[in-house]
Amino acid sequence: MTPLLSLSRLIDKISTVVGKFTMWLILATTLISAGNALVRKIFNVSSNGLLEIQWYLFAAVFMLGAGYGFLKNSHVRIDFISTKLSSRARNWIDVIGIVVVLVPFCTIAGSLGWSFFLQAFVSGEMSQNAGGLIRWPAYALIPLGFGMLLLQSVSELIKRVAFLTGNGPDVLSGEDAKSDDQKAAEELEAKLAETLAGVK
């Protein structure tokens, strides 16, 4: 199990680097969007290329950040059900979900995305808008994004199996495993308890 856990840690590092890179893409998207809006309002000039690069970057954030989101447990969970389950039950649900749903879905979507990208790359497909961009970089995000998510799903599967076999911690029970909503609810509960204690 040790080599697999080492592989999991390596995948986590890759997902973290890619995830942090995508955060900078959000800033780039915002700056390009603001710059384009200012130029359009002040000089009455616009660029289809600048408009398209915004959705290219947004697509990059969404697609490339999915693996990092899975690593940080920020994906959608039905918290009011999962919090009532035992640690083993939650991990078994994740194992089944990863093996039965996530891995096949990422494999199929990535494979279809690769042929889509390849066709656009070979044909040199361009945007139909005047001054628009080449399309293959945007299409490349499909296999890249699903590839990153598939890679992270392997890491998460290793961690779940390690816990279930007694070879690793329960990554779903730590502070990092809590969703933002859970953390916000706990903070609100703590503040409410402090306020009520002060009233008494």
N, C-alpha and C. Protein backbone atom coordinates (compact mmCIF):
# COMPACT_ATOMS: atom_id res chain seq x y z
N MET A 1 0.83 -1.22 0.00
CA MET A 1 0.00 0.00 0.00
C MET A 1 0.86 1.27 0.00
N THR A 2 2.08 1.16 0.54
CA THR A 2 2.95 2.34 0.64
C THR A 2 3.26 2.97 -0.72
N PRO A 3 3.62 2.16 -1.75
CA PRO A 3 3.86 2.78 -3.06
C PRO A 3 2.64 3.50 -3.62
N LEU A 4 1.45 2.93 -3.37
CA LEU A 4 0.22 3.55 -3.85
C LEU A 4 -0.04 4.88 -3.13
N LEU A 5 0.24 4.91 -1.83
CA LEU A 5 0.06 6.16 -1.08
C LEU A 5 1.06 7.22 -1.54
N SER A 6 2.26 6.78 -1.91
CA SER A 6 3.25 7.72 -2.46
C SER A 6 2.76 8.28 -3.79
N LEU A 7 2.17 7.41 -4.61
CA LEU A 7 1.58 7.86 -5.88
C LEU A 7 0.46 8.86 -5.62
N SER A 8 -0.37 8.57 -4.62
CA SER A 8 -1.47 9.46 -4.26
C SER A 8 -0.95 10.84 -3.86
N ARG A 9 0.11 10.87 -3.06
CA ARG A 9 0.69 12.15 -2.64
C ARG A 9 1.24 12.93 -3.84
N LEU A 10 1.85 12.22 -4.78
CA LEU A 10 2.38 12.86 -5.99
C LEU A 10 1.25 13.47 -6.82
N ILE A 11 0.17 12.71 -6.99
CA ILE A 11 -1.00 13.21 -7.75
C ILE A 11 -1.58 14.43 -7.05
N ASP A 12 -1.66 14.38 -5.71
CA ASP A 12 -2.19 15.52 -4.95
C ASP A 12 -1.35 16.78 -5.18
N LYS A 13 -0.02 16.60 -5.23
CA LYS A 13 0.86 17.75 -5.47
C LYS A 13 0.62 18.34 -6.86
N ILE A 14 0.47 17.45 -7.86
CA ILE A 14 0.20 17.92 -9.23
C ILE A 14 -1.12 18.68 -9.27
N SER A 15 -2.16 18.12 -8.64
CA SER A 15 -3.48 18.77 -8.64
C SER A 15 -3.42 20.12 -7.92
N THR A 16 -2.62 20.20 -6.86
CA THR A 16 -2.48 21.45 -6.12
C THR A 16 -1.81 22.52 -6.97
N VAL A 17 -0.74 22.15 -7.68
CA VAL A 17 -0.05 23.11 -8.55
C VAL A 17 -0.99 23.61 -9.64
N VAL A 18 -1.70 22.68 -10.28
CA VAL A 18 -2.62 23.06 -11.36
C VAL A 18 -3.77 23.91 -10.79
N GLY A 19 -4.29 23.51 -9.63
CA GLY A 19 -5.39 24.25 -9.01
C GLY A 19 -5.01 25.67 -8.66
N LYS A 20 -3.81 25.85 -8.11
CA LYS A 20 -3.36 27.21 -7.76
C LYS A 20 -3.10 28.04 -9.01
N PHE A 21 -2.65 27.39 -10.08
CA PHE A 21 -2.46 28.09 -11.35
C PHE A 21 -3.80 28.61 -11.88
N THR A 22 -4.85 27.79 -11.75
CA THR A 22 -6.16 28.21 -12.26
C THR A 22 -6.70 29.42 -11.49
N MET A 23 -6.27 29.59 -10.23
CA MET A 23 -6.71 30.77 -9.48
C MET A 23 -6.20 32.06 -10.15
N TRP A 24 -4.99 31.99 -10.69
CA TRP A 24 -4.44 33.15 -11.40
C TRP A 24 -5.20 33.41 -12.70
N LEU A 25 -5.75 32.35 -13.28
CA LEU A 25 -6.53 32.52 -14.50
C LEU A 25 -7.81 33.31 -14.23
N ILE A 26 -8.34 33.18 -13.02
CA ILE A 26 -9.53 33.96 -12.64
C ILE A 26 -9.18 35.44 -12.65
N LEU A 27 -8.01 35.77 -12.08
CA LEU A 27 -7.56 37.17 -12.09
C LEU A 27 -7.36 37.66 -13.53
N ALA A 28 -6.73 36.84 -14.35
CA ALA A 28 -6.50 37.22 -15.75
C ALA A 28 -7.83 37.46 -16.47
N THR A 29 -8.80 36.59 -16.24
CA THR A 29 -10.12 36.74 -16.86
C THR A 29 -10.77 38.05 -16.44
N THR A 30 -10.67 38.36 -15.15
CA THR A 30 -11.27 39.58 -14.62
C THR A 30 -10.63 40.82 -15.24
N LEU A 31 -9.29 40.82 -15.30
CA LEU A 31 -8.57 41.97 -15.85
C LEU A 31 -8.88 42.17 -17.34
N ILE A 32 -8.90 41.07 -18.10
CA ILE A 32 -9.22 41.16 -19.53
C ILE A 32 -10.64 41.66 -19.73
N SER A 33 -11.56 41.14 -18.92
CA SER A 33 -12.96 41.55 -19.03
C SER A 33 -13.11 43.03 -18.71
N ALA A 34 -12.46 43.49 -17.63
CA ALA A 34 -12.55 44.90 -17.25
C ALA A 34 -11.89 45.78 -18.31
N GLY A 35 -10.73 45.36 -18.81
CA GLY A 35 -10.02 46.13 -19.85
C GLY A 35 -10.84 46.24 -21.11
N ASN A 36 -11.44 45.14 -21.51
CA ASN A 36 -12.27 45.13 -22.71
C ASN A 36 -13.49 46.05 -22.56
N ALA A 37 -14.10 46.02 -21.36
CA ALA A 37 -15.27 46.88 -21.11
C ALA A 37 -14.87 48.36 -21.13
N LEU A 38 -13.72 48.68 -20.54
CA LEU A 38 -13.26 50.08 -20.52
C LEU A 38 -12.96 50.59 -21.92
N VAL A 39 -12.25 49.78 -22.70
CA VAL A 39 -11.90 50.18 -24.08
C VAL A 39 -13.17 50.37 -24.91
N ARG A 40 -14.15 49.49 -24.69
CA ARG A 40 -15.40 49.59 -25.45
C ARG A 40 -16.16 50.87 -25.07
N LYS A 41 -16.18 51.21 -23.78
CA LYS A 41 -16.92 52.39 -23.32
C LYS A 41 -16.20 53.69 -23.68
N ILE A 42 -14.88 53.70 -23.49
CA ILE A 42 -14.11 54.94 -23.70
C ILE A 42 -13.84 55.21 -25.18
N PHE A 43 -13.36 54.17 -25.89
CA PHE A 43 -12.93 54.37 -27.28
C PHE A 43 -13.91 53.80 -28.30
N ASN A 44 -14.99 53.18 -27.81
CA ASN A 44 -15.99 52.56 -28.70
C ASN A 44 -15.35 51.53 -29.63
N VAL A 45 -14.39 50.77 -29.08
CA VAL A 45 -13.68 49.73 -29.84
C VAL A 45 -13.82 48.42 -29.06
N SER A 46 -14.03 47.35 -29.80
CA SER A 46 -14.14 46.05 -29.15
C SER A 46 -13.39 45.01 -29.96
N SER A 47 -13.10 43.89 -29.32
CA SER A 47 -12.36 42.82 -29.99
C SER A 47 -13.02 41.48 -29.69
N ASN A 48 -13.37 40.77 -30.75
CA ASN A 48 -13.92 39.42 -30.56
C ASN A 48 -12.89 38.50 -29.94
N GLY A 49 -11.61 38.72 -30.28
CA GLY A 49 -10.55 37.91 -29.69
C GLY A 49 -10.51 38.04 -28.18
N LEU A 50 -10.65 39.28 -27.68
CA LEU A 50 -10.65 39.50 -26.23
C LEU A 50 -11.89 38.91 -25.57
N LEU A 51 -13.02 38.99 -26.26
CA LEU A 51 -14.23 38.38 -25.72
C LEU A 51 -14.08 36.86 -25.64
N GLU A 52 -13.49 36.27 -26.68
CA GLU A 52 -13.35 34.82 -26.71
C GLU A 52 -12.31 34.32 -25.71
N ILE A 53 -11.24 35.09 -25.51
CA ILE A 53 -10.22 34.65 -24.55
C ILE A 53 -10.81 34.59 -23.15
N GLN A 54 -11.81 35.41 -22.87
CA GLN A 54 -12.46 35.36 -21.56
C GLN A 54 -13.11 34.00 -21.32
N TRP A 55 -13.85 33.52 -22.33
CA TRP A 55 -14.49 32.22 -22.10
C TRP A 55 -13.50 31.07 -22.23
N TYR A 56 -12.40 31.26 -22.94
CA TYR A 56 -11.33 30.25 -22.95
C TYR A 56 -10.77 30.10 -21.53
N LEU A 57 -10.48 31.25 -20.91
CA LEU A 57 -9.90 31.23 -19.56
C LEU A 57 -10.90 30.70 -18.54
N PHE A 58 -12.17 31.08 -18.70
CA PHE A 58 -13.20 30.55 -17.79
C PHE A 58 -13.31 29.04 -17.92
N ALA A 59 -13.26 28.56 -19.17
CA ALA A 59 -13.30 27.11 -19.41
C ALA A 59 -12.08 26.44 -18.78
N ALA A 60 -10.92 27.09 -18.85
CA ALA A 60 -9.70 26.53 -18.26
C ALA A 60 -9.84 26.42 -16.74
N VAL A 61 -10.41 27.46 -16.11
CA VAL A 61 -10.62 27.42 -14.66
C VAL A 61 -11.55 26.28 -14.29
N PHE A 62 -12.63 26.15 -15.01
CA PHE A 62 -13.64 25.13 -14.71
C PHE A 62 -13.10 23.72 -14.95
N MET A 63 -12.46 23.52 -16.11
CA MET A 63 -12.00 22.18 -16.47
C MET A 63 -10.75 21.76 -15.68
N LEU A 64 -9.76 22.64 -15.62
CA LEU A 64 -8.50 22.26 -14.97
C LEU A 64 -8.60 22.29 -13.45
N GLY A 65 -9.58 23.03 -12.93
CA GLY A 65 -9.73 23.11 -11.47
C GLY A 65 -10.57 22.00 -10.87
N ALA A 66 -11.16 21.14 -11.69
CA ALA A 66 -12.05 20.09 -11.17
C ALA A 66 -11.30 19.10 -10.28
N GLY A 67 -10.10 18.70 -10.70
CA GLY A 67 -9.31 17.76 -9.89
C GLY A 67 -8.94 18.37 -8.54
N TYR A 68 -8.58 19.65 -8.54
CA TYR A 68 -8.23 20.35 -7.30
C TYR A 68 -9.46 20.46 -6.39
N GLY A 69 -10.62 20.71 -7.01
CA GLY A 69 -11.86 20.75 -6.24
C GLY A 69 -12.15 19.43 -5.56
N PHE A 70 -11.88 18.32 -6.26
CA PHE A 70 -12.08 16.99 -5.68
C PHE A 70 -11.10 16.76 -4.54
N LEU A 71 -9.85 17.18 -4.73
CA LEU A 71 -8.83 17.05 -3.68
C LEU A 71 -9.25 17.79 -2.43
N LYS A 72 -9.79 19.00 -2.59
CA LYS A 72 -10.17 19.84 -1.45
C LYS A 72 -11.58 19.54 -0.94
N ASN A 73 -12.22 18.54 -1.51
CA ASN A 73 -13.55 18.12 -1.08
C ASN A 73 -14.57 19.25 -1.21
N SER A 74 -14.40 20.07 -2.26
CA SER A 74 -15.33 21.19 -2.45
C SER A 74 -16.43 20.86 -3.45
N HIS A 75 -16.48 19.60 -3.87
CA HIS A 75 -17.54 19.19 -4.78
C HIS A 75 -18.84 19.01 -4.00
N VAL A 76 -19.94 18.86 -4.70
CA VAL A 76 -21.25 18.79 -4.07
C VAL A 76 -21.43 17.47 -3.34
N ARG A 77 -21.82 17.58 -2.10
CA ARG A 77 -22.21 16.40 -1.31
C ARG A 77 -23.56 16.70 -0.66
N ILE A 78 -24.30 15.65 -0.36
CA ILE A 78 -25.55 15.84 0.37
C ILE A 78 -25.19 15.75 1.85
N ASP A 79 -24.75 16.91 2.40
CA ASP A 79 -24.16 16.93 3.74
C ASP A 79 -25.10 16.43 4.83
N PHE A 80 -26.37 16.76 4.74
CA PHE A 80 -27.27 16.38 5.81
C PHE A 80 -27.47 14.86 5.88
N ILE A 81 -27.15 14.16 4.78
CA ILE A 81 -27.18 12.70 4.80
C ILE A 81 -25.81 12.14 5.17
N SER A 82 -24.77 12.64 4.52
CA SER A 82 -23.43 12.07 4.72
C SER A 82 -22.94 12.24 6.15
N THR A 83 -23.33 13.33 6.83
CA THR A 83 -22.88 13.54 8.22
C THR A 83 -23.51 12.54 9.19
N LYS A 84 -24.61 11.92 8.78
CA LYS A 84 -25.27 10.94 9.65
C LYS A 84 -24.71 9.52 9.45
N LEU A 85 -23.87 9.34 8.43
CA LEU A 85 -23.30 8.03 8.15
C LEU A 85 -21.99 7.82 8.89
N SER A 86 -21.62 6.56 9.07
CA SER A 86 -20.33 6.26 9.69
C SER A 86 -19.20 6.57 8.70
N SER A 87 -17.98 6.67 9.23
CA SER A 87 -16.82 6.94 8.37
C SER A 87 -16.65 5.87 7.31
N ARG A 88 -16.83 4.62 7.71
CA ARG A 88 -16.67 3.51 6.76
C ARG A 88 -17.72 3.59 5.66
N ALA A 89 -18.96 3.92 6.03
CA ALA A 89 -20.04 4.01 5.04
C ALA A 89 -19.74 5.14 4.04
N ARG A 90 -19.29 6.30 4.54
CA ARG A 90 -18.97 7.42 3.64
C ARG A 90 -17.85 7.04 2.68
N ASN A 91 -16.84 6.35 3.19
CA ASN A 91 -15.72 5.95 2.33
C ASN A 91 -16.14 4.90 1.31
N TRP A 92 -17.00 3.97 1.72
CA TRP A 92 -17.49 2.95 0.78
C TRP A 92 -18.32 3.61 -0.33
N ILE A 93 -19.14 4.59 0.03
CA ILE A 93 -19.94 5.31 -0.97
C ILE A 93 -19.01 5.99 -1.97
N ASP A 94 -17.93 6.60 -1.46
CA ASP A 94 -16.97 7.25 -2.36
C ASP A 94 -16.29 6.25 -3.28
N VAL A 95 -15.88 5.11 -2.71
CA VAL A 95 -15.22 4.08 -3.53
C VAL A 95 -16.13 3.63 -4.66
N ILE A 96 -17.39 3.34 -4.33
CA ILE A 96 -18.34 2.89 -5.35
C ILE A 96 -18.59 3.99 -6.38
N GLY A 97 -18.76 5.23 -5.90
CA GLY A 97 -18.99 6.35 -6.82
C GLY A 97 -17.82 6.58 -7.76
N ILE A 98 -16.60 6.49 -7.22
CA ILE A 98 -15.40 6.70 -8.04
C ILE A 98 -15.28 5.61 -9.10
N VAL A 99 -15.43 4.35 -8.67
CA VAL A 99 -15.22 3.21 -9.58
C VAL A 99 -16.36 3.09 -10.60
N VAL A 100 -17.60 3.25 -10.15
CA VAL A 100 -18.75 2.99 -11.01
C VAL A 100 -19.13 4.19 -11.87
N VAL A 101 -18.96 5.40 -11.34
CA VAL A 101 -19.43 6.59 -12.06
C VAL A 101 -18.27 7.46 -12.57
N LEU A 102 -17.40 7.90 -11.66
CA LEU A 102 -16.42 8.93 -12.02
C LEU A 102 -15.37 8.45 -13.02
N VAL A 103 -14.76 7.29 -12.75
CA VAL A 103 -13.71 6.80 -13.65
C VAL A 103 -14.26 6.52 -15.06
N PRO A 104 -15.38 5.80 -15.20
CA PRO A 104 -15.91 5.59 -16.56
C PRO A 104 -16.30 6.91 -17.25
N PHE A 105 -16.92 7.83 -16.49
CA PHE A 105 -17.34 9.09 -17.08
C PHE A 105 -16.14 9.90 -17.58
N CYS A 106 -15.09 10.01 -16.75
CA CYS A 106 -13.89 10.76 -17.15
C CYS A 106 -13.20 10.11 -18.34
N THR A 107 -13.18 8.78 -18.36
CA THR A 107 -12.55 8.06 -19.47
C THR A 107 -13.29 8.31 -20.78
N ILE A 108 -14.60 8.20 -20.74
CA ILE A 108 -15.41 8.41 -21.95
C ILE A 108 -15.34 9.86 -22.41
N ALA A 109 -15.55 10.80 -21.48
CA ALA A 109 -15.55 12.23 -21.84
C ALA A 109 -14.17 12.66 -22.33
N GLY A 110 -13.12 12.19 -21.68
CA GLY A 110 -11.76 12.54 -22.10
C GLY A 110 -11.44 11.99 -23.48
N SER A 111 -11.88 10.76 -23.73
CA SER A 111 -11.65 10.14 -25.03
C SER A 111 -12.38 10.88 -26.15
N LEU A 112 -13.64 11.21 -25.91
CA LEU A 112 -14.42 11.96 -26.90
C LEU A 112 -13.84 13.36 -27.09
N GLY A 113 -13.41 13.98 -26.00
CA GLY A 113 -12.81 15.31 -26.07
C GLY A 113 -11.50 15.30 -26.85
N TRP A 114 -10.73 14.21 -26.71
CA TRP A 114 -9.45 14.12 -27.43
C TRP A 114 -9.68 14.11 -28.94
N SER A 115 -10.65 13.32 -29.41
CA SER A 115 -10.91 13.26 -30.86
C SER A 115 -11.46 14.61 -31.35
N PHE A 116 -12.25 15.27 -30.53
CA PHE A 116 -12.79 16.58 -30.85
C PHE A 116 -11.65 17.59 -31.01
N PHE A 117 -10.71 17.58 -30.04
CA PHE A 117 -9.54 18.46 -30.09
C PHE A 117 -8.67 18.17 -31.30
N LEU A 118 -8.42 16.87 -31.55
CA LEU A 118 -7.53 16.47 -32.64
C LEU A 118 -8.08 16.93 -33.99
N GLN A 119 -9.37 16.78 -34.16
CA GLN A 119 -10.02 17.19 -35.42
C GLN A 119 -9.86 18.71 -35.63
N ALA A 120 -10.06 19.48 -34.57
CA ALA A 120 -9.92 20.94 -34.67
C ALA A 120 -8.47 21.34 -34.90
N PHE A 121 -7.54 20.62 -34.27
CA PHE A 121 -6.11 20.92 -34.42
C PHE A 121 -5.64 20.67 -35.85
N VAL A 122 -6.03 19.51 -36.40
CA VAL A 122 -5.61 19.14 -37.75
C VAL A 122 -6.23 20.07 -38.79
N SER A 123 -7.50 20.43 -38.59
CA SER A 123 -8.19 21.28 -39.57
C SER A 123 -7.84 22.76 -39.40
N GLY A 124 -7.24 23.11 -38.27
CA GLY A 124 -6.94 24.53 -38.00
C GLY A 124 -8.19 25.35 -37.80
N GLU A 125 -9.20 24.75 -37.19
CA GLU A 125 -10.50 25.40 -37.03
C GLU A 125 -10.35 26.76 -36.33
N MET A 126 -11.01 27.75 -36.90
CA MET A 126 -10.99 29.11 -36.36
C MET A 126 -12.40 29.51 -35.95
N SER A 127 -12.47 30.50 -35.10
CA SER A 127 -13.75 31.07 -34.72
C SER A 127 -14.41 31.69 -35.95
N GLN A 128 -15.73 31.64 -36.01
CA GLN A 128 -16.45 32.23 -37.14
C GLN A 128 -16.59 33.74 -36.99
N ASN A 129 -16.27 34.25 -35.80
CA ASN A 129 -16.35 35.69 -35.57
C ASN A 129 -15.12 36.40 -36.13
N ALA A 130 -15.31 37.58 -36.66
CA ALA A 130 -14.19 38.35 -37.19
C ALA A 130 -13.20 38.66 -36.07
N GLY A 131 -11.94 38.36 -36.33
CA GLY A 131 -10.91 38.60 -35.31
C GLY A 131 -10.93 37.59 -34.19
N GLY A 132 -11.67 36.49 -34.40
CA GLY A 132 -11.76 35.45 -33.38
C GLY A 132 -10.50 34.60 -33.30
N LEU A 133 -10.49 33.69 -32.35
CA LEU A 133 -9.29 32.89 -32.07
C LEU A 133 -9.38 31.50 -32.69
N ILE A 134 -8.22 30.82 -32.72
CA ILE A 134 -8.23 29.41 -33.11
C ILE A 134 -8.94 28.63 -32.01
N ARG A 135 -9.58 27.54 -32.38
CA ARG A 135 -10.45 26.83 -31.45
C ARG A 135 -9.76 25.68 -30.69
N TRP A 136 -8.68 25.11 -31.25
CA TRP A 136 -8.16 23.90 -30.62
C TRP A 136 -7.66 24.10 -29.19
N PRO A 137 -7.13 25.28 -28.80
CA PRO A 137 -6.72 25.39 -27.38
C PRO A 137 -7.89 25.22 -26.41
N ALA A 138 -9.05 25.74 -26.81
CA ALA A 138 -10.23 25.58 -25.96
C ALA A 138 -10.67 24.13 -25.93
N TYR A 139 -10.62 23.46 -27.09
CA TYR A 139 -11.02 22.05 -27.15
C TYR A 139 -10.03 21.16 -26.38
N ALA A 140 -8.78 21.57 -26.33
CA ALA A 140 -7.76 20.79 -25.60
C ALA A 140 -8.07 20.73 -24.11
N LEU A 141 -8.81 21.72 -23.62
CA LEU A 141 -9.15 21.74 -22.20
C LEU A 141 -10.06 20.58 -21.80
N ILE A 142 -10.81 20.03 -22.77
CA ILE A 142 -11.73 18.93 -22.45
C ILE A 142 -10.95 17.69 -22.04
N PRO A 143 -10.06 17.14 -22.88
CA PRO A 143 -9.30 15.96 -22.43
C PRO A 143 -8.35 16.27 -21.27
N LEU A 144 -7.79 17.48 -21.25
CA LEU A 144 -6.89 17.84 -20.14
C LEU A 144 -7.64 17.87 -18.81
N GLY A 145 -8.79 18.52 -18.82
CA GLY A 145 -9.59 18.64 -17.59
C GLY A 145 -10.06 17.29 -17.08
N PHE A 146 -10.61 16.47 -17.98
CA PHE A 146 -11.08 15.15 -17.55
C PHE A 146 -9.91 14.24 -17.18
N GLY A 147 -8.76 14.45 -17.83
CA GLY A 147 -7.56 13.70 -17.46
C GLY A 147 -7.11 14.04 -16.05
N MET A 148 -7.12 15.33 -15.69
CA MET A 148 -6.76 15.76 -14.34
C MET A 148 -7.74 15.22 -13.31
N LEU A 149 -9.02 15.25 -13.64
CA LEU A 149 -10.03 14.73 -12.71
C LEU A 149 -9.89 13.22 -12.55
N LEU A 150 -9.59 12.52 -13.65
CA LEU A 150 -9.36 11.07 -13.59
C LEU A 150 -8.16 10.75 -12.71
N LEU A 151 -7.09 11.52 -12.88
CA LEU A 151 -5.89 11.33 -12.09
C LEU A 151 -6.18 11.53 -10.61
N GLN A 152 -6.93 12.59 -10.29
CA GLN A 152 -7.26 12.84 -8.88
C GLN A 152 -8.20 11.78 -8.34
N SER A 153 -9.06 11.24 -9.18
CA SER A 153 -9.96 10.18 -8.71
C SER A 153 -9.18 8.93 -8.32
N VAL A 154 -8.07 8.66 -9.03
CA VAL A 154 -7.19 7.54 -8.67
C VAL A 154 -6.60 7.79 -7.28
N SER A 155 -6.13 9.01 -7.05
CA SER A 155 -5.57 9.37 -5.75
C SER A 155 -6.60 9.22 -4.64
N GLU A 156 -7.81 9.72 -4.88
CA GLU A 156 -8.87 9.64 -3.86
C GLU A 156 -9.28 8.20 -3.60
N LEU A 157 -9.29 7.38 -4.65
CA LEU A 157 -9.60 5.96 -4.49
C LEU A 157 -8.57 5.28 -3.61
N ILE A 158 -7.30 5.59 -3.85
CA ILE A 158 -6.22 5.02 -3.04
C ILE A 158 -6.41 5.40 -1.57
N LYS A 159 -6.73 6.66 -1.32
CA LYS A 159 -6.90 7.13 0.07
C LYS A 159 -8.09 6.45 0.75
N ARG A 160 -9.18 6.28 -0.01
CA ARG A 160 -10.37 5.62 0.58
C ARG A 160 -10.07 4.16 0.91
N VAL A 161 -9.42 3.46 -0.03
CA VAL A 161 -9.09 2.05 0.19
C VAL A 161 -8.09 1.91 1.33
N ALA A 162 -7.13 2.83 1.42
CA ALA A 162 -6.15 2.80 2.52
C ALA A 162 -6.85 2.90 3.86
N PHE A 163 -7.83 3.79 3.96
CA PHE A 163 -8.58 3.92 5.21
C PHE A 163 -9.37 2.65 5.51
N LEU A 164 -10.06 2.13 4.51
CA LEU A 164 -10.91 0.96 4.72
C LEU A 164 -10.11 -0.29 5.08
N THR A 165 -8.84 -0.34 4.66
CA THR A 165 -7.99 -1.49 4.99
C THR A 165 -7.11 -1.23 6.21
N GLY A 166 -7.31 -0.07 6.85
CA GLY A 166 -6.54 0.25 8.05
C GLY A 166 -5.13 0.73 7.79
N ASN A 167 -4.87 1.21 6.57
CA ASN A 167 -3.52 1.66 6.21
C ASN A 167 -3.39 3.17 6.05
N GLY A 168 -4.43 3.91 6.41
CA GLY A 168 -4.37 5.36 6.25
C GLY A 168 -5.47 6.04 7.02
N PRO A 169 -5.36 7.38 7.16
CA PRO A 169 -6.39 8.13 7.89
C PRO A 169 -7.66 8.29 7.07
N ASP A 170 -8.71 8.70 7.75
CA ASP A 170 -9.97 9.00 7.08
C ASP A 170 -9.91 10.45 6.60
N VAL A 171 -9.65 10.65 5.31
CA VAL A 171 -9.52 12.00 4.78
C VAL A 171 -10.86 12.74 4.74
N LEU A 172 -11.95 12.02 4.93
CA LEU A 172 -13.27 12.66 4.93
C LEU A 172 -13.66 13.21 6.29
N SER A 173 -12.86 12.91 7.34
CA SER A 173 -13.26 13.34 8.68
C SER A 173 -12.50 14.55 9.18
N GLY A 174 -11.45 14.97 8.45
CA GLY A 174 -10.63 16.09 8.90
C GLY A 174 -11.26 17.43 8.59
N GLU A 175 -10.61 18.49 9.09
CA GLU A 175 -11.08 19.86 8.86
C GLU A 175 -11.06 20.20 7.38
N ASP A 176 -10.05 19.70 6.67
CA ASP A 176 -9.94 19.98 5.24
C ASP A 176 -11.05 19.31 4.45
N ALA A 177 -11.61 18.24 5.02
CA ALA A 177 -12.64 17.49 4.31
C ALA A 177 -14.00 18.19 4.37
N LYS A 178 -14.15 19.16 5.29
CA LYS A 178 -15.42 19.83 5.43
C LYS A 178 -15.65 20.80 4.28
N SER A 179 -16.88 20.86 3.83
CA SER A 179 -17.21 21.81 2.77
C SER A 179 -17.27 23.22 3.37
N ASP A 180 -17.24 24.23 2.50
CA ASP A 180 -17.33 25.61 2.96
C ASP A 180 -18.63 25.85 3.72
N ASP A 181 -19.71 25.22 3.27
CA ASP A 181 -21.00 25.37 3.94
C ASP A 181 -20.95 24.80 5.36
N GLN A 182 -20.30 23.63 5.51
CA GLN A 182 -20.18 23.02 6.83
C GLN A 182 -19.38 23.92 7.76
N LYS A 183 -18.26 24.45 7.25
CA LYS A 183 -17.42 25.33 8.08
C LYS A 183 -18.18 26.58 8.48
N ALA A 184 -18.93 27.16 7.53
CA ALA A 184 -19.71 28.38 7.82
C ALA A 184 -20.78 28.09 8.85
N ALA A 185 -21.44 26.93 8.73
CA ALA A 185 -22.49 26.56 9.68
C ALA A 185 -21.91 26.37 11.08
N GLU A 186 -20.73 25.74 11.17
CA GLU A 186 -20.08 25.54 12.47
C GLU A 186 -19.67 26.87 13.10
N GLU A 187 -19.16 27.80 12.28
CA GLU A 187 -18.78 29.13 12.79
C GLU A 187 -20.01 29.87 13.31
N LEU A 188 -21.11 29.77 12.54
CA LEU A 188 -22.35 30.42 12.94
C LEU A 188 -22.88 29.84 14.25
N GLU A 189 -22.81 28.52 14.38
CA GLU A 189 -23.24 27.85 15.61
C GLU A 189 -22.42 28.31 16.80
N ALA A 190 -21.09 28.41 16.60
CA ALA A 190 -20.20 28.84 17.69
C ALA A 190 -20.51 30.27 18.11
N LYS A 191 -20.74 31.17 17.13
CA LYS A 191 -21.06 32.57 17.45
C LYS A 191 -22.40 32.68 18.17
N LEU A 192 -23.37 31.88 17.73
CA LEU A 192 -24.69 31.87 18.37
C LEU A 192 -24.58 31.40 19.82
N ALA A 193 -23.78 30.35 20.02
CA ALA A 193 -23.58 29.83 21.38
C ALA A 193 -22.91 30.89 22.27
N GLU A 194 -21.94 31.63 21.72
CA GLU A 194 -21.26 32.71 22.48
C GLU A 194 -22.25 33.80 22.83
N THR A 195 -23.08 34.17 21.87
CA THR A 195 -24.08 35.24 22.09
C THR A 195 -25.08 34.84 23.16
N LEU A 196 -25.57 33.60 23.09
CA LEU A 196 -26.54 33.11 24.08
C LEU A 196 -25.91 33.02 25.46
N ALA A 197 -24.63 32.62 25.51
CA ALA A 197 -23.93 32.54 26.79
C ALA A 197 -23.77 33.94 27.39
N GLY A 198 -23.51 34.95 26.52
CA GLY A 198 -23.37 36.34 26.98
C GLY A 198 -24.69 36.91 27.50
N VAL A 199 -25.81 36.51 26.91
CA VAL A 199 -27.12 36.98 27.32
C VAL A 199 -27.47 36.46 28.71
N LYS A 200 -27.09 35.20 28.96
CA LYS A 200 -27.39 34.59 30.26
C LYS A 200 -26.50 35.21 31.33
